[in-house]
Amino acid sequence: MTTKAIKKHIEKLIDIAYEAGKVILEIYESDDLGVESKSDESPLTKADKAANDIICKGLAKMTPHIPIISEENKEIPYHERKDCEYIWMVDPLDGTKEFIKRNGEFTVNIALIHNQKSIAGVVYAPVLDNMYYAIEGEGAYIIEDNEQVSLTANVYSKTDSSLKVVCSRSHLNDATKAFVQDYNTPELIEKGSSLKFLILAEGGAELYPRLAPTMEWDTAAAHIILSESGGKIHQPDGSPVLYNKENLLNPYFIATANERKS
């Protein structure tokens, strides 16, 4: 797939994400979120299902030949997808717990995976009305107040004092607390959903350690946006974070801004 073709897809992805976000907000502002529990006891709302329907229909119409992995779809068996060159990775409503709490910290996430690597993606934050997107080799951007602005992650060194460390509002554990103790007077910033990556991409923080379980659809779209802003995501041992694996559970990872090696 050429860069030109991916750019056309991104334009459509942005429209799809806006449409999904509009429906999410309508439910968010209603009296009935339709909260239920999935088999793993994680919450599901009417907004998750409505947004998923919009996104999957839009993607199927745009690229009928590319499979869709979504948090809310029936899982595609690995033997059917392992040899797929391209695949869509979707989280129609990342941060369902934050959605239920009505704190605004939730996002729509759509990524294009090519040979296990995230190469394009959009993340939309409906309450903020901020649209983030990136294509491999083309930079990362935010559309805010109808203006497109390039995203650049901060340059930092591990020895800097008062580094800003983003952590999960719902999943701050002992391993994460131990991680931040290696830094000089770090400042913790609690945030929900994939907004944690975007804070790094925008220059609002330097580190996001995720030493707890996540799924591929939680990270794929924000991964390429952070990478194109100058940041990185890697496993604690330095190995890359890959997608469309047999097990869609992510390894633990560290997301960083643009680290300056001393």
C-alpha atoms as a PDB file:
ATOM      1  CA  MET A   1       0.000   0.000   0.000  1.00  0.00           C
ATOM      2  CA  THR A   2       1.474   3.355  -1.008  1.00  0.00           C
ATOM      3  CA  THR A   3       1.783   6.362   1.280  1.00  0.00           C
ATOM      4  CA  LYS A   4      -0.677   8.156  -1.000  1.00  0.00           C
ATOM      5  CA  ALA A   5      -3.243   5.390  -0.484  1.00  0.00           C
ATOM      6  CA  ILE A   6      -2.708   5.422   3.285  1.00  0.00           C
ATOM      7  CA  LYS A   7      -3.207   9.204   3.342  1.00  0.00           C
ATOM      8  CA  LYS A   8      -6.568   8.755   1.609  1.00  0.00           C
ATOM      9  CA  HIS A   9      -7.485   6.096   4.149  1.00  0.00           C
ATOM     10  CA  ILE A  10      -6.509   8.417   7.014  1.00  0.00           C
ATOM     11  CA  GLU A  11      -8.831  11.122   5.687  1.00  0.00           C
ATOM     12  CA  LYS A  12     -11.692   8.623   5.786  1.00  0.00           C
ATOM     13  CA  LEU A  13     -10.591   7.276   9.170  1.00  0.00           C
ATOM     14  CA  ILE A  14     -10.811  10.776  10.607  1.00  0.00           C
ATOM     15  CA  ASP A  15     -14.384  11.096   9.337  1.00  0.00           C
ATOM     16  CA  ILE A  16     -15.272   7.669  10.762  1.00  0.00           C
ATOM     17  CA  ALA A  17     -13.745   8.551  14.128  1.00  0.00           C
ATOM     18  CA  TYR A  18     -15.645  11.842  14.262  1.00  0.00           C
ATOM     19  CA  GLU A  19     -18.881   9.990  13.492  1.00  0.00           C
ATOM     20  CA  ALA A  20     -18.208   7.404  16.208  1.00  0.00           C
ATOM     21  CA  GLY A  21     -17.334  10.154  18.657  1.00  0.00           C
ATOM     22  CA  LYS A  22     -20.590  11.970  17.950  1.00  0.00           C
ATOM     23  CA  VAL A  23     -22.630   8.881  18.832  1.00  0.00           C
ATOM     24  CA  ILE A  24     -20.506   8.268  21.928  1.00  0.00           C
ATOM     25  CA  LEU A  25     -21.176  11.816  23.150  1.00  0.00           C
ATOM     26  CA  GLU A  26     -24.919  11.460  22.559  1.00  0.00           C
ATOM     27  CA  ILE A  27     -24.969   8.416  24.841  1.00  0.00           C
ATOM     28  CA  TYR A  28     -22.517  10.033  27.293  1.00  0.00           C
ATOM     29  CA  GLU A  29     -24.896  12.963  27.738  1.00  0.00           C
ATOM     30  CA  SER A  30     -27.977  10.752  28.078  1.00  0.00           C
ATOM     31  CA  ASP A  31     -29.500   9.287  31.239  1.00  0.00           C
ATOM     32  CA  ASP A  32     -28.829   5.667  30.251  1.00  0.00           C
ATOM     33  CA  LEU A  33     -25.304   4.473  29.453  1.00  0.00           C
ATOM     34  CA  GLY A  34     -26.523   0.878  29.159  1.00  0.00           C
ATOM     35  CA  VAL A  35     -23.757  -0.496  31.367  1.00  0.00           C
ATOM     36  CA  GLU A  36     -23.282  -4.279  31.448  1.00  0.00           C
ATOM     37  CA  SER A  37     -20.413  -6.653  32.236  1.00  0.00           C
ATOM     38  CA  LYS A  38     -18.478  -8.768  29.737  1.00  0.00           C
ATOM     39  CA  SER A  39     -17.273 -12.296  30.470  1.00  0.00           C
ATOM     40  CA  ASP A  40     -14.017 -10.930  31.905  1.00  0.00           C
ATOM     41  CA  GLU A  41     -16.059  -8.609  34.161  1.00  0.00           C
ATOM     42  CA  SER A  42     -14.877  -5.498  32.302  1.00  0.00           C
ATOM     43  CA  PRO A  43     -17.644  -2.976  31.607  1.00  0.00           C
ATOM     44  CA  LEU A  44     -19.474  -2.557  28.315  1.00  0.00           C
ATOM     45  CA  THR A  45     -21.846   0.268  27.392  1.00  0.00           C
ATOM     46  CA  LYS A  46     -24.228   1.182  24.602  1.00  0.00           C
ATOM     47  CA  ALA A  47     -21.544   3.598  23.398  1.00  0.00           C
ATOM     48  CA  ASP A  48     -18.941   0.832  22.958  1.00  0.00           C
ATOM     49  CA  LYS A  49     -21.347  -1.131  20.774  1.00  0.00           C
ATOM     50  CA  ALA A  50     -22.658   1.827  18.773  1.00  0.00           C
ATOM     51  CA  ALA A  51     -19.177   3.178  18.031  1.00  0.00           C
ATOM     52  CA  ASN A  52     -17.933  -0.285  17.078  1.00  0.00           C
ATOM     53  CA  ASP A  53     -20.794  -0.686  14.610  1.00  0.00           C
ATOM     54  CA  ILE A  54     -20.001   2.651  12.932  1.00  0.00           C
ATOM     55  CA  ILE A  55     -16.268   1.982  12.712  1.00  0.00           C
ATOM     56  CA  CYS A  56     -16.504  -1.598  11.450  1.00  0.00           C
ATOM     57  CA  LYS A  57     -19.083  -0.706   8.803  1.00  0.00           C
ATOM     58  CA  GLY A  58     -16.934   2.209   7.672  1.00  0.00           C
ATOM     59  CA  LEU A  59     -13.760   0.131   7.470  1.00  0.00           C
ATOM     60  CA  ALA A  60     -15.502  -2.763   5.696  1.00  0.00           C
ATOM     61  CA  LYS A  61     -16.812  -0.369   3.061  1.00  0.00           C
ATOM     62  CA  MET A  62     -13.448   1.356   2.640  1.00  0.00           C
ATOM     63  CA  THR A  63     -11.212  -1.745   2.590  1.00  0.00           C
ATOM     64  CA  PRO A  64     -13.328  -4.924   2.364  1.00  0.00           C
ATOM     65  CA  HIS A  65     -10.187  -7.030   1.890  1.00  0.00           C
ATOM     66  CA  ILE A  66      -8.560  -6.006   5.206  1.00  0.00           C
ATOM     67  CA  PRO A  67      -9.667  -7.918   8.364  1.00  0.00           C
ATOM     68  CA  ILE A  68     -10.752  -5.977  11.446  1.00  0.00           C
ATOM     69  CA  ILE A  69      -9.635  -6.843  14.964  1.00  0.00           C
ATOM     70  CA  SER A  70     -11.779  -4.955  17.475  1.00  0.00           C
ATOM     71  CA  GLU A  71     -12.245  -5.249  21.193  1.00  0.00           C
ATOM     72  CA  GLU A  72     -15.969  -5.639  20.631  1.00  0.00           C
ATOM     73  CA  ASN A  73     -15.846  -8.149  17.741  1.00  0.00           C
ATOM     74  CA  LYS A  74     -15.646 -11.893  17.917  1.00  0.00           C
ATOM     75  CA  GLU A  75     -11.956 -12.757  17.825  1.00  0.00           C
ATOM     76  CA  ILE A  76     -10.581 -13.835  14.448  1.00  0.00           C
ATOM     77  CA  PRO A  77      -8.729 -17.176  14.833  1.00  0.00           C
ATOM     78  CA  TYR A  78      -4.971 -16.775  14.535  1.00  0.00           C
ATOM     79  CA  HIS A  79      -4.683 -19.211  11.613  1.00  0.00           C
ATOM     80  CA  GLU A  80      -6.981 -16.922   9.618  1.00  0.00           C
ATOM     81  CA  ARG A  81      -5.061 -13.712  10.296  1.00  0.00           C
ATOM     82  CA  LYS A  82      -1.439 -14.705  10.881  1.00  0.00           C
ATOM     83  CA  ASP A  83      -0.459 -14.276   7.229  1.00  0.00           C
ATOM     84  CA  CYS A  84      -2.420 -11.047   6.678  1.00  0.00           C
ATOM     85  CA  GLU A  85      -0.103  -8.294   5.435  1.00  0.00           C
ATOM     86  CA  TYR A  86      -2.517  -5.600   6.641  1.00  0.00           C
ATOM     87  CA  ILE A  87      -5.066  -5.611   9.434  1.00  0.00           C
ATOM     88  CA  TRP A  88      -7.167  -2.984  11.200  1.00  0.00           C
ATOM     89  CA  MET A  89      -6.876  -2.728  14.982  1.00  0.00           C
ATOM     90  CA  VAL A  90      -9.828  -1.002  16.673  1.00  0.00           C
ATOM     91  CA  ASP A  91     -10.844   0.072  20.141  1.00  0.00           C
ATOM     92  CA  PRO A  92     -14.149   1.886  19.591  1.00  0.00           C
ATOM     93  CA  LEU A  93     -14.203   3.293  23.122  1.00  0.00           C
ATOM     94  CA  ASP A  94     -10.953   3.122  25.056  1.00  0.00           C
ATOM     95  CA  GLY A  95     -11.475   4.123  28.666  1.00  0.00           C
ATOM     96  CA  THR A  96     -14.941   2.680  29.260  1.00  0.00           C
ATOM     97  CA  LYS A  97     -14.444   3.022  33.030  1.00  0.00           C
ATOM     98  CA  GLU A  98     -13.687   6.720  32.574  1.00  0.00           C
ATOM     99  CA  PHE A  99     -16.728   7.030  30.298  1.00  0.00           C
ATOM    100  CA  ILE A 100     -18.917   5.552  33.044  1.00  0.00           C
ATOM    101  CA  LYS A 101     -17.358   7.929  35.596  1.00  0.00           C
ATOM    102  CA  ARG A 102     -18.126  10.757  33.142  1.00  0.00           C
ATOM    103  CA  ASN A 103     -14.667  12.333  33.523  1.00  0.00           C
ATOM    104  CA  GLY A 104     -14.139  12.763  29.764  1.00  0.00           C
ATOM    105  CA  GLU A 105     -10.947  10.679  29.566  1.00  0.00           C
ATOM    106  CA  PHE A 106     -11.894   8.261  26.798  1.00  0.00           C
ATOM    107  CA  THR A 107     -10.983   7.908  23.131  1.00  0.00           C
ATOM    108  CA  VAL A 108     -11.788   6.317  19.779  1.00  0.00           C
ATOM    109  CA  ASN A 109      -8.809   4.350  18.388  1.00  0.00           C
ATOM    110  CA  ILE A 110      -8.232   2.984  14.877  1.00  0.00           C
ATOM    111  CA  ALA A 111      -4.847   1.721  13.623  1.00  0.00           C
ATOM    112  CA  LEU A 112      -3.548   0.120  10.452  1.00  0.00           C
ATOM    113  CA  ILE A 113      -1.117  -2.725  11.117  1.00  0.00           C
ATOM    114  CA  HIS A 114       1.378  -3.821   8.464  1.00  0.00           C
ATOM    115  CA  ASN A 115       3.403  -6.962   9.161  1.00  0.00           C
ATOM    116  CA  GLN A 116       2.944  -6.623  12.955  1.00  0.00           C
ATOM    117  CA  LYS A 117       3.822  -2.913  13.021  1.00  0.00           C
ATOM    118  CA  SER A 118       1.477   0.029  13.537  1.00  0.00           C
ATOM    119  CA  ILE A 119       1.979   2.277  10.483  1.00  0.00           C
ATOM    120  CA  ALA A 120      -1.013   4.637  10.623  1.00  0.00           C
ATOM    121  CA  GLY A 121      -3.629   5.581  13.151  1.00  0.00           C
ATOM    122  CA  VAL A 122      -6.181   8.026  14.470  1.00  0.00           C
ATOM    123  CA  VAL A 123      -7.194   8.714  18.053  1.00  0.00           C
ATOM    124  CA  TYR A 124     -10.169  10.951  18.757  1.00  0.00           C
ATOM    125  CA  ALA A 125     -11.009  12.395  22.169  1.00  0.00           C
ATOM    126  CA  PRO A 126     -14.724  13.287  21.843  1.00  0.00           C
ATOM    127  CA  VAL A 127     -15.101  15.456  24.970  1.00  0.00           C
ATOM    128  CA  LEU A 128     -12.010  17.503  24.079  1.00  0.00           C
ATOM    129  CA  ASP A 129     -12.884  17.388  20.359  1.00  0.00           C
ATOM    130  CA  ASN A 130      -9.213  16.678  19.640  1.00  0.00           C
ATOM    131  CA  MET A 131      -8.294  14.476  16.686  1.00  0.00           C
ATOM    132  CA  TYR A 132      -4.812  12.971  16.629  1.00  0.00           C
ATOM    133  CA  TYR A 133      -3.363  11.110  13.663  1.00  0.00           C
ATOM    134  CA  ALA A 134      -0.103   9.870  12.171  1.00  0.00           C
ATOM    135  CA  ILE A 135       1.321   7.959   9.223  1.00  0.00           C
ATOM    136  CA  GLU A 136       4.712   6.280   9.330  1.00  0.00           C
ATOM    137  CA  GLY A 137       7.336   8.672   8.002  1.00  0.00           C
ATOM    138  CA  GLU A 138       4.857  11.565   7.707  1.00  0.00           C
ATOM    139  CA  GLY A 139       4.799  12.987  11.241  1.00  0.00           C
ATOM    140  CA  ALA A 140       2.119  13.199  13.909  1.00  0.00           C
ATOM    141  CA  TYR A 141      -0.601  15.836  14.129  1.00  0.00           C
ATOM    142  CA  ILE A 142      -3.513  17.123  16.160  1.00  0.00           C
ATOM    143  CA  ILE A 143      -6.595  18.790  14.726  1.00  0.00           C
ATOM    144  CA  GLU A 144      -7.874  21.196  17.356  1.00  0.00           C
ATOM    145  CA  ASP A 145     -10.316  24.077  16.756  1.00  0.00           C
ATOM    146  CA  ASN A 146     -10.143  23.281  13.033  1.00  0.00           C
ATOM    147  CA  GLU A 147      -6.384  23.837  13.026  1.00  0.00           C
ATOM    148  CA  GLN A 148      -3.788  21.154  12.251  1.00  0.00           C
ATOM    149  CA  VAL A 149      -0.687  21.296  14.429  1.00  0.00           C
ATOM    150  CA  SER A 150       2.404  19.072  14.315  1.00  0.00           C
ATOM    151  CA  LEU A 151       3.197  17.091  17.465  1.00  0.00           C
ATOM    152  CA  THR A 152       6.713  16.968  18.924  1.00  0.00           C
ATOM    153  CA  ALA A 153       7.656  14.960  21.999  1.00  0.00           C
ATOM    154  CA  ASN A 154       9.972  16.500  24.577  1.00  0.00           C
ATOM    155  CA  VAL A 155      13.705  15.760  24.545  1.00  0.00           C
ATOM    156  CA  TYR A 156      14.799  14.562  27.976  1.00  0.00           C
ATOM    157  CA  SER A 157      17.462  12.639  29.870  1.00  0.00           C
ATOM    158  CA  LYS A 158      16.788   9.967  32.483  1.00  0.00           C
ATOM    159  CA  THR A 159      18.851  11.987  34.979  1.00  0.00           C
ATOM    160  CA  ASP A 160      16.678  15.113  34.618  1.00  0.00           C
ATOM    161  CA  SER A 161      14.780  16.153  37.720  1.00  0.00           C
ATOM    162  CA  SER A 162      11.006  16.595  37.900  1.00  0.00           C
ATOM    163  CA  LEU A 163      10.229  14.457  34.869  1.00  0.00           C
ATOM    164  CA  LYS A 164       6.512  14.068  34.300  1.00  0.00           C
ATOM    165  CA  VAL A 165       5.397  10.427  34.451  1.00  0.00           C
ATOM    166  CA  VAL A 166       1.945   9.514  33.161  1.00  0.00           C
ATOM    167  CA  CYS A 167       0.173   6.679  34.902  1.00  0.00           C
ATOM    168  CA  SER A 168      -3.197   5.019  34.678  1.00  0.00           C
ATOM    169  CA  ARG A 169      -6.056   6.547  36.627  1.00  0.00           C
ATOM    170  CA  SER A 170      -7.574   3.075  37.085  1.00  0.00           C
ATOM    171  CA  HIS A 171      -4.520   0.776  37.180  1.00  0.00           C
ATOM    172  CA  LEU A 172      -1.696   2.326  39.251  1.00  0.00           C
ATOM    173  CA  ASN A 173       0.111  -0.659  40.786  1.00  0.00           C
ATOM    174  CA  ASP A 174       3.154  -1.339  42.971  1.00  0.00           C
ATOM    175  CA  ALA A 175       5.407  -2.132  39.971  1.00  0.00           C
ATOM    176  CA  THR A 176       4.712   1.298  38.507  1.00  0.00           C
ATOM    177  CA  LYS A 177       5.364   2.976  41.860  1.00  0.00           C
ATOM    178  CA  ALA A 178       8.694   1.127  42.074  1.00  0.00           C
ATOM    179  CA  PHE A 179       9.600   2.173  38.509  1.00  0.00           C
ATOM    180  CA  VAL A 180       9.234   5.887  39.201  1.00  0.00           C
ATOM    181  CA  GLN A 181      11.499   5.654  42.260  1.00  0.00           C
ATOM    182  CA  ASP A 182      14.471   5.378  39.867  1.00  0.00           C
ATOM    183  CA  TYR A 183      13.885   8.976  38.813  1.00  0.00           C
ATOM    184  CA  ASN A 184      14.742  12.288  40.451  1.00  0.00           C
ATOM    185  CA  THR A 185      11.606  13.796  42.049  1.00  0.00           C
ATOM    186  CA  PRO A 186       9.215  12.678  39.287  1.00  0.00           C
ATOM    187  CA  GLU A 187       5.782  14.254  38.951  1.00  0.00           C
ATOM    188  CA  LEU A 188       2.926  11.784  38.472  1.00  0.00           C
ATOM    189  CA  ILE A 189       0.072  12.612  36.103  1.00  0.00           C
ATOM    190  CA  GLU A 190      -2.991  10.364  36.285  1.00  0.00           C
ATOM    191  CA  LYS A 191      -4.934   9.957  33.052  1.00  0.00           C
ATOM    192  CA  GLY A 192      -7.317   7.446  31.510  1.00  0.00           C
ATOM    193  CA  SER A 193      -7.301   5.685  28.112  1.00  0.00           C
ATOM    194  CA  SER A 194      -4.824   6.230  25.256  1.00  0.00           C
ATOM    195  CA  LEU A 195      -4.658   9.909  26.235  1.00  0.00           C
ATOM    196  CA  LYS A 196      -1.601   8.864  28.261  1.00  0.00           C
ATOM    197  CA  PHE A 197       0.409   8.343  25.065  1.00  0.00           C
ATOM    198  CA  LEU A 198      -0.859  11.570  23.559  1.00  0.00           C
ATOM    199  CA  ILE A 199       0.315  13.622  26.524  1.00  0.00           C
ATOM    200  CA  LEU A 200       3.841  12.414  25.674  1.00  0.00           C
ATOM    201  CA  ALA A 201       3.345  13.125  21.960  1.00  0.00           C
ATOM    202  CA  GLU A 202       2.165  16.670  22.743  1.00  0.00           C
ATOM    203  CA  GLY A 203       5.131  17.423  25.000  1.00  0.00           C
ATOM    204  CA  GLY A 204       3.193  17.316  28.272  1.00  0.00           C
ATOM    205  CA  ALA A 205       5.197  14.496  29.882  1.00  0.00           C
ATOM    206  CA  GLU A 206       8.242  12.292  29.344  1.00  0.00           C
ATOM    207  CA  LEU A 207       7.394   8.775  30.544  1.00  0.00           C
ATOM    208  CA  TYR A 208       4.514   6.335  30.640  1.00  0.00           C
ATOM    209  CA  PRO A 209       5.405   2.951  32.191  1.00  0.00           C
ATOM    210  CA  ARG A 210       2.698   0.345  31.669  1.00  0.00           C
ATOM    211  CA  LEU A 211       3.611  -2.557  33.926  1.00  0.00           C
ATOM    212  CA  ALA A 212       0.135  -4.060  33.855  1.00  0.00           C
ATOM    213  CA  PRO A 213      -1.948  -5.849  31.211  1.00  0.00           C
ATOM    214  CA  THR A 214      -3.232  -4.086  28.084  1.00  0.00           C
ATOM    215  CA  MET A 215      -4.516  -5.407  24.767  1.00  0.00           C
ATOM    216  CA  GLU A 216      -3.227  -4.597  21.288  1.00  0.00           C
ATOM    217  CA  TRP A 217      -6.254  -2.442  20.472  1.00  0.00           C
ATOM    218  CA  ASP A 218      -5.509  -0.302  23.544  1.00  0.00           C
ATOM    219  CA  THR A 219      -2.165   0.878  22.164  1.00  0.00           C
ATOM    220  CA  ALA A 220      -1.880   0.405  18.386  1.00  0.00           C
ATOM    221  CA  ALA A 221      -3.261   3.758  17.200  1.00  0.00           C
ATOM    222  CA  ALA A 222      -1.507   5.861  19.831  1.00  0.00           C
ATOM    223  CA  HIS A 223       1.724   3.891  19.241  1.00  0.00           C
ATOM    224  CA  ILE A 224       2.289   5.302  15.747  1.00  0.00           C
ATOM    225  CA  ILE A 225       1.287   8.806  16.873  1.00  0.00           C
ATOM    226  CA  LEU A 226       3.851   8.789  19.681  1.00  0.00           C
ATOM    227  CA  SER A 227       6.519   7.264  17.413  1.00  0.00           C
ATOM    228  CA  GLU A 228       5.992   9.917  14.746  1.00  0.00           C
ATOM    229  CA  SER A 229       6.205  12.679  17.367  1.00  0.00           C
ATOM    230  CA  GLY A 230       9.715  11.466  18.269  1.00  0.00           C
ATOM    231  CA  GLY A 231       8.832   9.163  21.158  1.00  0.00           C
ATOM    232  CA  LYS A 232       9.165   5.407  21.536  1.00  0.00           C
ATOM    233  CA  ILE A 233       7.411   2.362  22.963  1.00  0.00           C
ATOM    234  CA  HIS A 234       9.377  -0.725  23.950  1.00  0.00           C
ATOM    235  CA  GLN A 235       9.304  -3.620  26.362  1.00  0.00           C
ATOM    236  CA  PRO A 236      11.330  -3.233  29.587  1.00  0.00           C
ATOM    237  CA  ASP A 237      14.156  -5.253  27.968  1.00  0.00           C
ATOM    238  CA  GLY A 238      14.167  -2.975  24.902  1.00  0.00           C
ATOM    239  CA  SER A 239      12.286  -5.361  22.590  1.00  0.00           C
ATOM    240  CA  PRO A 240       9.640  -3.851  20.279  1.00  0.00           C
ATOM    241  CA  VAL A 241       5.900  -4.038  20.916  1.00  0.00           C
ATOM    242  CA  LEU A 242       4.328  -5.966  18.013  1.00  0.00           C
ATOM    243  CA  TYR A 243       0.761  -6.422  16.775  1.00  0.00           C
ATOM    244  CA  ASN A 244      -1.444  -9.160  15.339  1.00  0.00           C
ATOM    245  CA  LYS A 245       0.256 -11.702  17.582  1.00  0.00           C
ATOM    246  CA  GLU A 246      -1.338 -15.061  18.331  1.00  0.00           C
ATOM    247  CA  ASN A 247      -2.143 -13.759  21.817  1.00  0.00           C
ATOM    248  CA  LEU A 248      -3.465 -10.198  21.530  1.00  0.00           C
ATOM    249  CA  LEU A 249      -2.333  -9.382  25.075  1.00  0.00           C
ATOM    250  CA  ASN A 250       0.433  -6.773  25.057  1.00  0.00           C
ATOM    251  CA  PRO A 251       3.692  -7.300  26.943  1.00  0.00           C
ATOM    252  CA  TYR A 252       4.479  -4.778  29.673  1.00  0.00           C
ATOM    253  CA  PHE A 253       6.025  -1.713  28.063  1.00  0.00           C
ATOM    254  CA  ILE A 254       7.607   1.696  28.627  1.00  0.00           C
ATOM    255  CA  ALA A 255       6.453   4.618  26.479  1.00  0.00           C
ATOM    256  CA  THR A 256       8.844   7.560  26.398  1.00  0.00           C
ATOM    257  CA  ALA A 257       9.297  10.975  24.852  1.00  0.00           C
ATOM    258  CA  ASN A 258      12.526  11.602  22.902  1.00  0.00           C
ATOM    259  CA  GLU A 259      15.209  10.342  25.287  1.00  0.00           C
ATOM    260  CA  ARG A 260      18.618  11.962  25.003  1.00  0.00           C
ATOM    261  CA  LYS A 261      21.323   9.404  25.682  1.00  0.00           C
ATOM    262  CA  SER A 262      23.924  10.800  28.085  1.00  0.00           C
END
